[in-house]
């Protein structure tokens, strides 16, 4: 299988799993479920979960054995995008060519949808421990690592730096550090 087909195949597997794992739009409170699904299914490439599946395969595991954790990482990534677009942070009107979550659902629902995706991401990672060959201790270690990578030393810290750098001349070194924290942290976590 060539690389492009591999990516397409894994993306389809992840999209199907995300659709299964997320609450249906009709489930009450439907507005938050619609907002969650809106951002999750707005055209992302699924790089982080694909890397997680590929890493599992590289080490001789079945990709399905880490699918819930991989999807959990994608939900956490989507939480960060929703919050990043909010008026109090970057105030972006569009994400991936579509109106940002807060433009469609309002700021309060967007904030709560992001929060719900963060919690749902951790929930999926914990549920991954139901897979027989995954030890509960490994899941606890992963949760600890995720907390580190999304915490103030990495992703959230990068977000703070992004806010603080807005009105200054940005040095290349500061920009690289910002991207390492905001973007690379979850990519590193995935593998």
N, C-alpha and C. Protein backbone atom coordinates (compact mmCIF):
# COMPACT_ATOMS: atom_id res chain seq x y z
N UNK A 1 0.85 -1.18 0.00
CA UNK A 1 0.00 0.00 0.00
C UNK A 1 0.90 1.24 0.00
N UNK A 2 0.61 2.18 -0.89
CA UNK A 2 1.43 3.39 -0.93
C UNK A 2 1.03 4.33 0.22
N UNK A 3 1.86 5.32 0.45
CA UNK A 3 1.70 6.20 1.60
C UNK A 3 0.37 6.95 1.58
N UNK A 4 -0.01 7.46 0.42
CA UNK A 4 -1.27 8.21 0.30
C UNK A 4 -2.47 7.32 0.65
N UNK A 5 -2.45 6.09 0.14
CA UNK A 5 -3.53 5.13 0.43
C UNK A 5 -3.55 4.78 1.92
N UNK A 6 -2.36 4.62 2.50
CA UNK A 6 -2.24 4.32 3.93
C UNK A 6 -2.91 5.43 4.75
N UNK A 7 -2.57 6.68 4.45
CA UNK A 7 -3.15 7.81 5.18
C UNK A 7 -4.66 7.86 5.01
N UNK A 8 -5.13 7.66 3.79
CA UNK A 8 -6.56 7.68 3.51
C UNK A 8 -7.29 6.56 4.26
N UNK A 9 -6.71 5.37 4.26
CA UNK A 9 -7.29 4.23 4.96
C UNK A 9 -7.39 4.50 6.46
N UNK A 10 -6.30 4.97 7.05
CA UNK A 10 -6.29 5.24 8.49
C UNK A 10 -7.24 6.37 8.85
N UNK A 11 -7.31 7.40 8.01
CA UNK A 11 -8.22 8.51 8.27
C UNK A 11 -9.66 8.01 8.27
N UNK A 12 -10.00 7.14 7.33
CA UNK A 12 -11.36 6.58 7.28
C UNK A 12 -11.67 5.77 8.54
N UNK A 13 -10.71 4.99 9.00
CA UNK A 13 -10.90 4.21 10.23
C UNK A 13 -11.13 5.14 11.41
N UNK A 14 -10.33 6.18 11.50
CA UNK A 14 -10.44 7.14 12.61
C UNK A 14 -11.76 7.90 12.54
N UNK A 15 -12.14 8.37 11.35
CA UNK A 15 -13.41 9.09 11.21
C UNK A 15 -14.59 8.22 11.62
N UNK A 16 -14.57 6.96 11.20
CA UNK A 16 -15.66 6.04 11.56
C UNK A 16 -15.70 5.84 13.08
N UNK A 17 -14.53 5.68 13.69
CA UNK A 17 -14.47 5.49 15.14
C UNK A 17 -14.93 6.74 15.88
N UNK A 18 -14.50 7.91 15.43
CA UNK A 18 -14.93 9.16 16.07
C UNK A 18 -16.44 9.31 16.00
N UNK A 19 -17.02 8.97 14.85
CA UNK A 19 -18.47 9.04 14.70
C UNK A 19 -19.16 8.12 15.70
N UNK A 20 -18.58 6.96 15.91
CA UNK A 20 -19.14 5.99 16.87
C UNK A 20 -18.96 6.47 18.31
N UNK A 21 -17.81 7.04 18.63
CA UNK A 21 -17.49 7.40 20.01
C UNK A 21 -18.17 8.69 20.48
N UNK A 22 -18.41 9.62 19.57
CA UNK A 22 -19.04 10.88 19.98
C UNK A 22 -20.54 10.71 20.15
N UNK A 23 -21.14 11.44 21.08
CA UNK A 23 -22.60 11.35 21.24
C UNK A 23 -23.29 11.83 19.96
N UNK A 24 -24.42 11.21 19.61
CA UNK A 24 -25.16 11.67 18.43
C UNK A 24 -25.70 13.09 18.66
N UNK A 25 -25.87 13.82 17.57
CA UNK A 25 -26.36 15.20 17.67
C UNK A 25 -27.71 15.29 18.37
N UNK A 26 -28.53 14.27 18.21
CA UNK A 26 -29.89 14.31 18.74
C UNK A 26 -29.93 14.12 20.26
N UNK A 27 -28.87 13.56 20.82
CA UNK A 27 -28.85 13.28 22.26
C UNK A 27 -28.79 14.60 23.04
N UNK A 28 -29.61 14.68 24.06
CA UNK A 28 -29.67 15.88 24.89
C UNK A 28 -28.42 16.01 25.75
N UNK A 29 -27.88 17.19 25.90
CA UNK A 29 -28.22 18.47 25.27
C UNK A 29 -27.66 18.55 23.85
N UNK A 30 -28.55 18.54 22.89
CA UNK A 30 -28.15 18.38 21.49
C UNK A 30 -27.25 19.51 20.99
N UNK A 31 -27.42 20.72 21.47
CA UNK A 31 -26.62 21.83 20.96
C UNK A 31 -25.12 21.60 21.19
N UNK A 32 -24.76 21.05 22.34
CA UNK A 32 -23.33 20.83 22.61
C UNK A 32 -22.79 19.68 21.76
N UNK A 33 -23.61 18.66 21.56
CA UNK A 33 -23.18 17.54 20.72
C UNK A 33 -23.03 17.97 19.26
N UNK A 34 -23.93 18.83 18.80
CA UNK A 34 -23.79 19.38 17.45
C UNK A 34 -22.50 20.19 17.33
N UNK A 35 -22.22 21.00 18.35
CA UNK A 35 -21.01 21.84 18.33
C UNK A 35 -19.74 20.98 18.36
N UNK A 36 -19.75 19.92 19.16
CA UNK A 36 -18.60 19.02 19.22
C UNK A 36 -18.36 18.39 17.86
N UNK A 37 -19.41 17.83 17.28
CA UNK A 37 -19.30 17.15 16.00
C UNK A 37 -18.93 18.12 14.88
N UNK A 38 -19.46 19.32 14.95
CA UNK A 38 -19.15 20.33 13.93
C UNK A 38 -17.64 20.52 13.80
N UNK A 39 -16.97 20.68 14.92
CA UNK A 39 -15.52 20.92 14.87
C UNK A 39 -14.72 19.65 14.60
N UNK A 40 -15.15 18.53 15.16
CA UNK A 40 -14.41 17.28 14.95
C UNK A 40 -14.46 16.87 13.47
N UNK A 41 -15.60 17.09 12.83
CA UNK A 41 -15.76 16.65 11.44
C UNK A 41 -15.68 17.81 10.44
N UNK A 42 -14.83 18.78 10.73
CA UNK A 42 -14.72 19.95 9.84
C UNK A 42 -13.52 19.86 8.90
N UNK A 43 -13.05 18.67 8.61
CA UNK A 43 -12.03 18.52 7.58
C UNK A 43 -10.60 18.34 8.04
N UNK A 44 -10.37 17.95 9.25
CA UNK A 44 -9.01 17.74 9.73
C UNK A 44 -8.34 16.56 9.04
N UNK A 45 -7.02 16.58 9.01
CA UNK A 45 -6.25 15.53 8.34
C UNK A 45 -6.04 14.30 9.21
N UNK A 46 -6.25 14.44 10.53
CA UNK A 46 -6.09 13.34 11.50
C UNK A 46 -4.64 12.89 11.64
N UNK A 47 -3.71 13.81 11.49
CA UNK A 47 -2.28 13.47 11.58
C UNK A 47 -1.94 12.84 12.93
N UNK A 48 -2.41 13.41 14.02
CA UNK A 48 -2.05 12.92 15.35
C UNK A 48 -2.53 11.48 15.58
N UNK A 49 -3.80 11.18 15.33
CA UNK A 49 -4.21 9.79 15.53
C UNK A 49 -3.59 8.82 14.53
N UNK A 50 -3.34 9.27 13.31
CA UNK A 50 -2.67 8.40 12.33
C UNK A 50 -1.27 8.06 12.83
N UNK A 51 -0.57 9.04 13.37
CA UNK A 51 0.76 8.77 13.93
C UNK A 51 0.69 7.77 15.08
N UNK A 52 -0.34 7.89 15.91
CA UNK A 52 -0.49 6.95 17.03
C UNK A 52 -0.72 5.52 16.52
N UNK A 53 -1.56 5.38 15.50
CA UNK A 53 -1.80 4.04 14.93
C UNK A 53 -0.53 3.50 14.27
N UNK A 54 0.18 4.36 13.55
CA UNK A 54 1.42 3.93 12.89
C UNK A 54 2.48 3.52 13.91
N UNK A 55 2.56 4.25 15.02
CA UNK A 55 3.53 3.91 16.07
C UNK A 55 3.20 2.54 16.66
N UNK A 56 1.92 2.27 16.86
CA UNK A 56 1.52 0.96 17.38
C UNK A 56 1.95 -0.14 16.42
N UNK A 57 1.70 0.07 15.13
CA UNK A 57 2.08 -0.92 14.12
C UNK A 57 3.59 -1.10 14.07
N UNK A 58 4.32 -0.01 14.20
CA UNK A 58 5.78 -0.07 14.17
C UNK A 58 6.32 -0.97 15.27
N UNK A 59 5.64 -0.97 16.42
CA UNK A 59 6.08 -1.79 17.55
C UNK A 59 5.34 -3.12 17.64
N UNK A 60 4.74 -3.55 16.51
CA UNK A 60 4.16 -4.87 16.43
C UNK A 60 2.77 -5.01 17.03
N UNK A 61 2.12 -3.93 17.32
CA UNK A 61 0.75 -3.97 17.85
C UNK A 61 -0.25 -3.79 16.72
N UNK A 62 -1.44 -4.27 16.97
CA UNK A 62 -2.54 -4.02 16.06
C UNK A 62 -2.98 -2.57 16.26
N UNK A 63 -3.13 -1.83 15.19
CA UNK A 63 -3.54 -0.42 15.29
C UNK A 63 -4.85 -0.27 16.05
N UNK A 64 -5.74 -1.23 15.89
CA UNK A 64 -7.03 -1.18 16.58
C UNK A 64 -6.86 -1.16 18.10
N UNK A 65 -5.76 -1.69 18.59
CA UNK A 65 -5.54 -1.76 20.04
C UNK A 65 -5.33 -0.39 20.67
N UNK A 66 -5.00 0.61 19.86
CA UNK A 66 -4.80 1.97 20.39
C UNK A 66 -5.77 2.97 19.77
N UNK A 67 -6.80 2.46 19.09
CA UNK A 67 -7.72 3.34 18.36
C UNK A 67 -8.43 4.33 19.28
N UNK A 68 -8.92 3.87 20.41
CA UNK A 68 -9.62 4.79 21.32
C UNK A 68 -8.68 5.88 21.82
N UNK A 69 -7.47 5.51 22.20
CA UNK A 69 -6.50 6.50 22.66
C UNK A 69 -6.15 7.48 21.54
N UNK A 70 -5.98 6.97 20.33
CA UNK A 70 -5.67 7.83 19.18
C UNK A 70 -6.80 8.83 18.94
N UNK A 71 -8.03 8.35 19.02
CA UNK A 71 -9.19 9.24 18.85
C UNK A 71 -9.27 10.24 20.01
N UNK A 72 -8.91 9.79 21.20
CA UNK A 72 -8.88 10.70 22.35
C UNK A 72 -7.92 11.85 22.12
N UNK A 73 -6.77 11.56 21.55
CA UNK A 73 -5.80 12.62 21.24
C UNK A 73 -6.39 13.60 20.22
N UNK A 74 -7.12 13.08 19.24
CA UNK A 74 -7.75 13.96 18.24
C UNK A 74 -8.80 14.86 18.89
N UNK A 75 -9.56 14.33 19.83
CA UNK A 75 -10.56 15.15 20.52
C UNK A 75 -9.88 16.25 21.33
N UNK A 76 -8.78 15.92 21.97
CA UNK A 76 -8.03 16.93 22.74
C UNK A 76 -7.48 18.00 21.80
N UNK A 77 -6.98 17.58 20.65
CA UNK A 77 -6.50 18.55 19.65
C UNK A 77 -7.64 19.48 19.22
N UNK A 78 -8.81 18.91 18.97
CA UNK A 78 -9.95 19.71 18.52
C UNK A 78 -10.39 20.69 19.61
N UNK A 79 -10.36 20.24 20.87
CA UNK A 79 -10.65 21.16 21.98
C UNK A 79 -9.75 22.38 21.89
N UNK A 80 -8.45 22.15 21.64
CA UNK A 80 -7.50 23.27 21.60
C UNK A 80 -7.80 24.22 20.44
N UNK A 81 -8.27 23.69 19.33
CA UNK A 81 -8.59 24.54 18.18
C UNK A 81 -9.82 25.41 18.45
N UNK A 82 -10.84 24.82 19.06
CA UNK A 82 -12.05 25.58 19.39
C UNK A 82 -11.69 26.73 20.32
N UNK A 83 -10.95 26.42 21.38
CA UNK A 83 -10.59 27.46 22.34
C UNK A 83 -9.67 28.50 21.71
N UNK A 84 -8.75 28.08 20.85
CA UNK A 84 -7.83 29.01 20.18
C UNK A 84 -8.58 30.04 19.34
N UNK A 85 -9.69 29.64 18.74
CA UNK A 85 -10.46 30.54 17.87
C UNK A 85 -11.33 31.53 18.62
N UNK A 86 -11.57 31.32 19.91
CA UNK A 86 -12.48 32.17 20.68
C UNK A 86 -12.04 33.64 20.65
N UNK A 87 -12.99 34.56 20.73
CA UNK A 87 -12.67 35.99 20.73
C UNK A 87 -11.67 36.41 21.81
N UNK A 88 -11.69 35.75 22.94
CA UNK A 88 -10.78 36.12 24.03
C UNK A 88 -9.35 35.65 23.78
N UNK A 89 -9.13 34.82 22.75
CA UNK A 89 -7.78 34.33 22.47
C UNK A 89 -7.35 34.85 21.09
N UNK A 90 -7.64 34.13 20.01
CA UNK A 90 -7.20 34.58 18.67
C UNK A 90 -8.30 35.29 17.88
N UNK A 91 -9.52 35.11 18.29
CA UNK A 91 -10.67 35.73 17.63
C UNK A 91 -10.69 35.43 16.13
N UNK A 92 -10.54 34.15 15.80
CA UNK A 92 -10.57 33.73 14.40
C UNK A 92 -12.00 33.40 13.99
N UNK A 93 -12.41 33.94 12.86
CA UNK A 93 -13.76 33.70 12.36
C UNK A 93 -13.88 32.40 11.58
N UNK A 94 -12.74 31.88 11.10
CA UNK A 94 -12.77 30.67 10.28
C UNK A 94 -11.72 29.68 10.74
N UNK A 95 -12.05 28.41 10.57
CA UNK A 95 -11.13 27.30 10.83
C UNK A 95 -11.36 26.29 9.72
N UNK A 96 -10.30 25.95 9.00
CA UNK A 96 -10.38 24.98 7.90
C UNK A 96 -11.42 25.38 6.85
N UNK A 97 -11.50 26.69 6.59
CA UNK A 97 -12.40 27.19 5.56
C UNK A 97 -13.87 27.26 5.95
N UNK A 98 -14.19 26.97 7.19
CA UNK A 98 -15.57 27.03 7.67
C UNK A 98 -15.64 28.01 8.84
N UNK A 99 -16.83 28.55 9.11
CA UNK A 99 -16.95 29.44 10.28
C UNK A 99 -16.51 28.71 11.56
N UNK A 100 -15.78 29.43 12.39
CA UNK A 100 -15.33 28.86 13.67
C UNK A 100 -16.53 28.45 14.51
N UNK A 101 -16.28 27.54 15.43
CA UNK A 101 -17.35 27.00 16.28
C UNK A 101 -18.14 28.12 16.96
N UNK A 102 -17.45 29.12 17.51
CA UNK A 102 -18.16 30.18 18.22
C UNK A 102 -18.98 31.06 17.29
N UNK A 103 -18.64 31.09 16.01
CA UNK A 103 -19.43 31.85 15.04
C UNK A 103 -20.74 31.14 14.71
N UNK A 104 -20.74 29.83 14.82
CA UNK A 104 -21.93 29.04 14.52
C UNK A 104 -22.80 28.84 15.77
N UNK A 105 -22.16 28.55 16.90
CA UNK A 105 -22.90 28.16 18.10
C UNK A 105 -22.86 29.19 19.23
N UNK A 106 -22.09 30.25 19.08
CA UNK A 106 -21.94 31.24 20.13
C UNK A 106 -20.76 30.89 21.03
N UNK A 107 -20.25 31.90 21.71
CA UNK A 107 -19.05 31.72 22.53
C UNK A 107 -19.24 30.72 23.66
N UNK A 108 -20.35 30.81 24.36
CA UNK A 108 -20.57 29.94 25.53
C UNK A 108 -20.61 28.47 25.12
N UNK A 109 -21.37 28.15 24.08
CA UNK A 109 -21.47 26.76 23.63
C UNK A 109 -20.13 26.29 23.08
N UNK A 110 -19.41 27.15 22.36
CA UNK A 110 -18.09 26.77 21.84
C UNK A 110 -17.14 26.44 22.99
N UNK A 111 -17.15 27.26 24.02
CA UNK A 111 -16.30 27.01 25.18
C UNK A 111 -16.64 25.66 25.81
N UNK A 112 -17.94 25.41 26.00
CA UNK A 112 -18.38 24.15 26.60
C UNK A 112 -18.11 22.96 25.68
N UNK A 113 -18.26 23.14 24.38
CA UNK A 113 -17.96 22.05 23.43
C UNK A 113 -16.48 21.69 23.51
N UNK A 114 -15.62 22.70 23.58
CA UNK A 114 -14.19 22.43 23.74
C UNK A 114 -13.91 21.69 25.03
N UNK A 115 -14.52 22.14 26.12
CA UNK A 115 -14.35 21.46 27.41
C UNK A 115 -14.82 20.01 27.32
N UNK A 116 -15.97 19.81 26.68
CA UNK A 116 -16.52 18.46 26.55
C UNK A 116 -15.60 17.56 25.73
N UNK A 117 -14.96 18.12 24.70
CA UNK A 117 -14.03 17.33 23.90
C UNK A 117 -12.78 16.97 24.70
N UNK A 118 -12.32 17.86 25.55
CA UNK A 118 -11.17 17.56 26.40
C UNK A 118 -11.50 16.40 27.33
N UNK A 119 -12.65 16.49 27.99
CA UNK A 119 -13.08 15.42 28.91
C UNK A 119 -13.31 14.12 28.14
N UNK A 120 -13.96 14.21 26.99
CA UNK A 120 -14.22 13.02 26.18
C UNK A 120 -12.93 12.38 25.69
N UNK A 121 -11.94 13.20 25.40
CA UNK A 121 -10.64 12.68 24.98
C UNK A 121 -10.00 11.85 26.07
N UNK A 122 -9.99 12.38 27.29
CA UNK A 122 -9.45 11.61 28.41
C UNK A 122 -10.28 10.35 28.65
N UNK A 123 -11.60 10.45 28.51
CA UNK A 123 -12.47 9.29 28.70
C UNK A 123 -12.14 8.18 27.71
N UNK A 124 -11.92 8.53 26.46
CA UNK A 124 -11.56 7.52 25.45
C UNK A 124 -10.22 6.88 25.76
N UNK A 125 -9.28 7.68 26.22
CA UNK A 125 -7.97 7.13 26.56
C UNK A 125 -8.09 6.14 27.71
N UNK A 126 -8.89 6.47 28.70
CA UNK A 126 -9.12 5.56 29.82
C UNK A 126 -9.82 4.29 29.33
N UNK A 127 -10.81 4.44 28.46
CA UNK A 127 -11.53 3.29 27.92
C UNK A 127 -10.63 2.39 27.08
N UNK A 128 -9.54 2.93 26.57
CA UNK A 128 -8.60 2.11 25.80
C UNK A 128 -8.01 1.00 26.67
N UNK A 129 -8.04 1.17 27.99
CA UNK A 129 -7.52 0.14 28.89
C UNK A 129 -8.37 -1.12 28.86
N UNK A 130 -9.55 -1.06 28.25
CA UNK A 130 -10.40 -2.24 28.11
C UNK A 130 -9.84 -3.23 27.09
N UNK A 131 -8.93 -2.76 26.25
CA UNK A 131 -8.28 -3.64 25.27
C UNK A 131 -7.37 -4.58 26.04
N UNK A 132 -7.48 -5.87 25.77
CA UNK A 132 -6.79 -6.89 26.57
C UNK A 132 -5.28 -6.70 26.67
N UNK A 133 -4.63 -6.38 25.55
CA UNK A 133 -3.17 -6.32 25.60
C UNK A 133 -2.62 -4.98 26.11
N UNK A 134 -3.49 -4.05 26.47
CA UNK A 134 -3.05 -2.77 27.02
C UNK A 134 -3.19 -2.82 28.54
N UNK A 135 -2.10 -2.65 29.23
CA UNK A 135 -2.11 -2.69 30.69
C UNK A 135 -2.62 -1.37 31.24
N UNK A 136 -3.39 -1.46 32.32
CA UNK A 136 -3.92 -0.26 32.96
C UNK A 136 -2.80 0.70 33.36
N UNK A 137 -1.67 0.16 33.76
CA UNK A 137 -0.53 1.00 34.14
C UNK A 137 -0.03 1.82 32.94
N UNK A 138 -0.11 1.24 31.75
CA UNK A 138 0.29 1.97 30.54
C UNK A 138 -0.66 3.14 30.27
N UNK A 139 -1.95 2.93 30.53
CA UNK A 139 -2.93 3.99 30.34
C UNK A 139 -2.68 5.12 31.34
N UNK A 140 -2.39 4.76 32.59
CA UNK A 140 -2.09 5.79 33.59
C UNK A 140 -0.86 6.60 33.19
N UNK A 141 0.14 5.91 32.68
CA UNK A 141 1.35 6.60 32.22
C UNK A 141 1.01 7.54 31.06
N UNK A 142 0.16 7.08 30.15
CA UNK A 142 -0.24 7.90 29.01
C UNK A 142 -1.01 9.14 29.47
N UNK A 143 -1.91 8.97 30.43
CA UNK A 143 -2.67 10.12 30.95
C UNK A 143 -1.72 11.13 31.59
N UNK A 144 -0.73 10.65 32.30
CA UNK A 144 0.27 11.55 32.89
C UNK A 144 1.00 12.31 31.79
N UNK A 145 1.40 11.62 30.73
CA UNK A 145 2.10 12.27 29.62
C UNK A 145 1.20 13.28 28.91
N UNK A 146 -0.05 12.91 28.70
CA UNK A 146 -0.99 13.83 28.04
C UNK A 146 -1.15 15.09 28.87
N UNK A 147 -1.31 14.91 30.18
CA UNK A 147 -1.45 16.06 31.07
C UNK A 147 -0.24 16.98 30.96
N UNK A 148 0.94 16.39 30.84
CA UNK A 148 2.15 17.19 30.67
C UNK A 148 2.15 17.92 29.33
N UNK A 149 1.84 17.19 28.25
CA UNK A 149 1.91 17.79 26.92
C UNK A 149 0.84 18.86 26.67
N UNK A 150 -0.32 18.75 27.32
CA UNK A 150 -1.33 19.79 27.13
C UNK A 150 -1.28 20.84 28.23
N UNK A 151 -0.43 20.66 29.22
CA UNK A 151 -0.35 21.57 30.36
C UNK A 151 0.40 22.86 30.07
N UNK A 152 0.69 23.56 31.15
CA UNK A 152 1.27 24.90 31.04
C UNK A 152 2.72 24.91 30.55
N UNK A 153 3.40 23.78 30.61
CA UNK A 153 4.77 23.73 30.09
C UNK A 153 4.80 23.50 28.58
N UNK A 154 3.67 23.12 28.02
CA UNK A 154 3.62 22.82 26.59
C UNK A 154 2.46 23.54 25.92
N UNK A 155 1.39 22.81 25.53
CA UNK A 155 0.35 23.39 24.69
C UNK A 155 -0.30 24.63 25.31
N UNK A 156 -0.77 24.53 26.54
CA UNK A 156 -1.42 25.69 27.15
C UNK A 156 -0.42 26.81 27.40
N UNK A 157 0.80 26.46 27.77
CA UNK A 157 1.84 27.48 27.92
C UNK A 157 2.14 28.17 26.61
N UNK A 158 2.13 27.41 25.52
CA UNK A 158 2.33 28.00 24.20
C UNK A 158 1.20 28.94 23.84
N UNK A 159 0.00 28.59 24.26
CA UNK A 159 -1.15 29.47 24.01
C UNK A 159 -0.97 30.80 24.75
N UNK A 160 -0.49 30.73 25.99
CA UNK A 160 -0.23 31.95 26.76
C UNK A 160 0.84 32.79 26.06
N UNK A 161 1.89 32.14 25.59
CA UNK A 161 2.95 32.86 24.87
C UNK A 161 2.39 33.50 23.60
N UNK A 162 1.49 32.80 22.91
CA UNK A 162 0.87 33.33 21.70
C UNK A 162 0.09 34.61 22.03
N UNK A 163 -0.66 34.58 23.10
CA UNK A 163 -1.42 35.76 23.53
C UNK A 163 -0.48 36.92 23.85
N UNK A 164 0.58 36.62 24.57
CA UNK A 164 1.52 37.66 25.00
C UNK A 164 2.36 38.22 23.86
N UNK A 165 2.56 37.45 22.79
CA UNK A 165 3.40 37.90 21.68
C UNK A 165 2.63 38.73 20.64
N UNK A 166 1.34 38.81 20.76
CA UNK A 166 0.53 39.44 19.72
C UNK A 166 0.92 40.88 19.42
N UNK A 167 1.27 41.63 20.42
CA UNK A 167 1.53 43.05 20.21
C UNK A 167 3.01 43.39 20.18
N UNK A 168 3.84 42.41 19.97
CA UNK A 168 5.28 42.64 19.95
C UNK A 168 5.86 42.20 18.61
N UNK A 169 7.07 42.65 18.36
CA UNK A 169 7.80 42.11 17.22
C UNK A 169 8.23 40.70 17.60
N UNK A 170 7.82 39.74 16.80
CA UNK A 170 8.09 38.35 17.13
C UNK A 170 9.44 37.93 16.54
N UNK A 171 10.29 37.41 17.40
CA UNK A 171 11.58 36.89 16.95
C UNK A 171 11.38 35.45 16.47
N UNK A 172 12.22 35.04 15.53
CA UNK A 172 12.14 33.69 14.99
C UNK A 172 12.24 32.65 16.10
N UNK A 173 13.12 32.87 17.04
CA UNK A 173 13.32 31.94 18.16
C UNK A 173 12.04 31.80 19.00
N UNK A 174 11.36 32.92 19.25
CA UNK A 174 10.12 32.89 20.02
C UNK A 174 9.02 32.16 19.26
N UNK A 175 8.97 32.39 17.95
CA UNK A 175 7.96 31.73 17.13
C UNK A 175 8.18 30.22 17.08
N UNK A 176 9.43 29.80 16.94
CA UNK A 176 9.75 28.37 16.95
C UNK A 176 9.37 27.74 18.28
N UNK A 177 9.67 28.41 19.37
CA UNK A 177 9.32 27.92 20.70
C UNK A 177 7.80 27.81 20.85
N UNK A 178 7.10 28.80 20.34
CA UNK A 178 5.64 28.80 20.39
C UNK A 178 5.07 27.59 19.64
N UNK A 179 5.56 27.34 18.43
CA UNK A 179 5.07 26.20 17.65
C UNK A 179 5.44 24.86 18.29
N UNK A 180 6.60 24.81 18.90
CA UNK A 180 6.99 23.58 19.61
C UNK A 180 5.98 23.26 20.70
N UNK A 181 5.52 24.27 21.39
CA UNK A 181 4.58 24.05 22.48
C UNK A 181 3.16 23.83 21.98
N UNK A 182 2.69 24.70 21.10
CA UNK A 182 1.29 24.65 20.68
C UNK A 182 1.00 23.51 19.71
N UNK A 183 1.92 23.22 18.81
CA UNK A 183 1.65 22.25 17.75
C UNK A 183 2.41 20.94 17.95
N UNK A 184 3.68 21.03 18.18
CA UNK A 184 4.51 19.83 18.25
C UNK A 184 4.23 18.98 19.47
N UNK A 185 3.74 19.57 20.55
CA UNK A 185 3.52 18.81 21.79
C UNK A 185 2.58 17.63 21.56
N UNK A 186 1.43 17.87 20.93
CA UNK A 186 0.49 16.76 20.70
C UNK A 186 0.98 15.81 19.61
N UNK A 187 1.78 16.30 18.69
CA UNK A 187 2.35 15.40 17.68
C UNK A 187 3.34 14.45 18.36
N UNK A 188 4.19 15.00 19.23
CA UNK A 188 5.13 14.15 19.99
C UNK A 188 4.38 13.13 20.83
N UNK A 189 3.32 13.57 21.46
CA UNK A 189 2.52 12.68 22.29
C UNK A 189 1.96 11.52 21.48
N UNK A 190 1.58 11.79 20.25
CA UNK A 190 0.95 10.77 19.40
C UNK A 190 1.87 9.60 19.11
N UNK A 191 3.18 9.86 19.11
CA UNK A 191 4.11 8.79 18.78
C UNK A 191 4.86 8.34 20.01
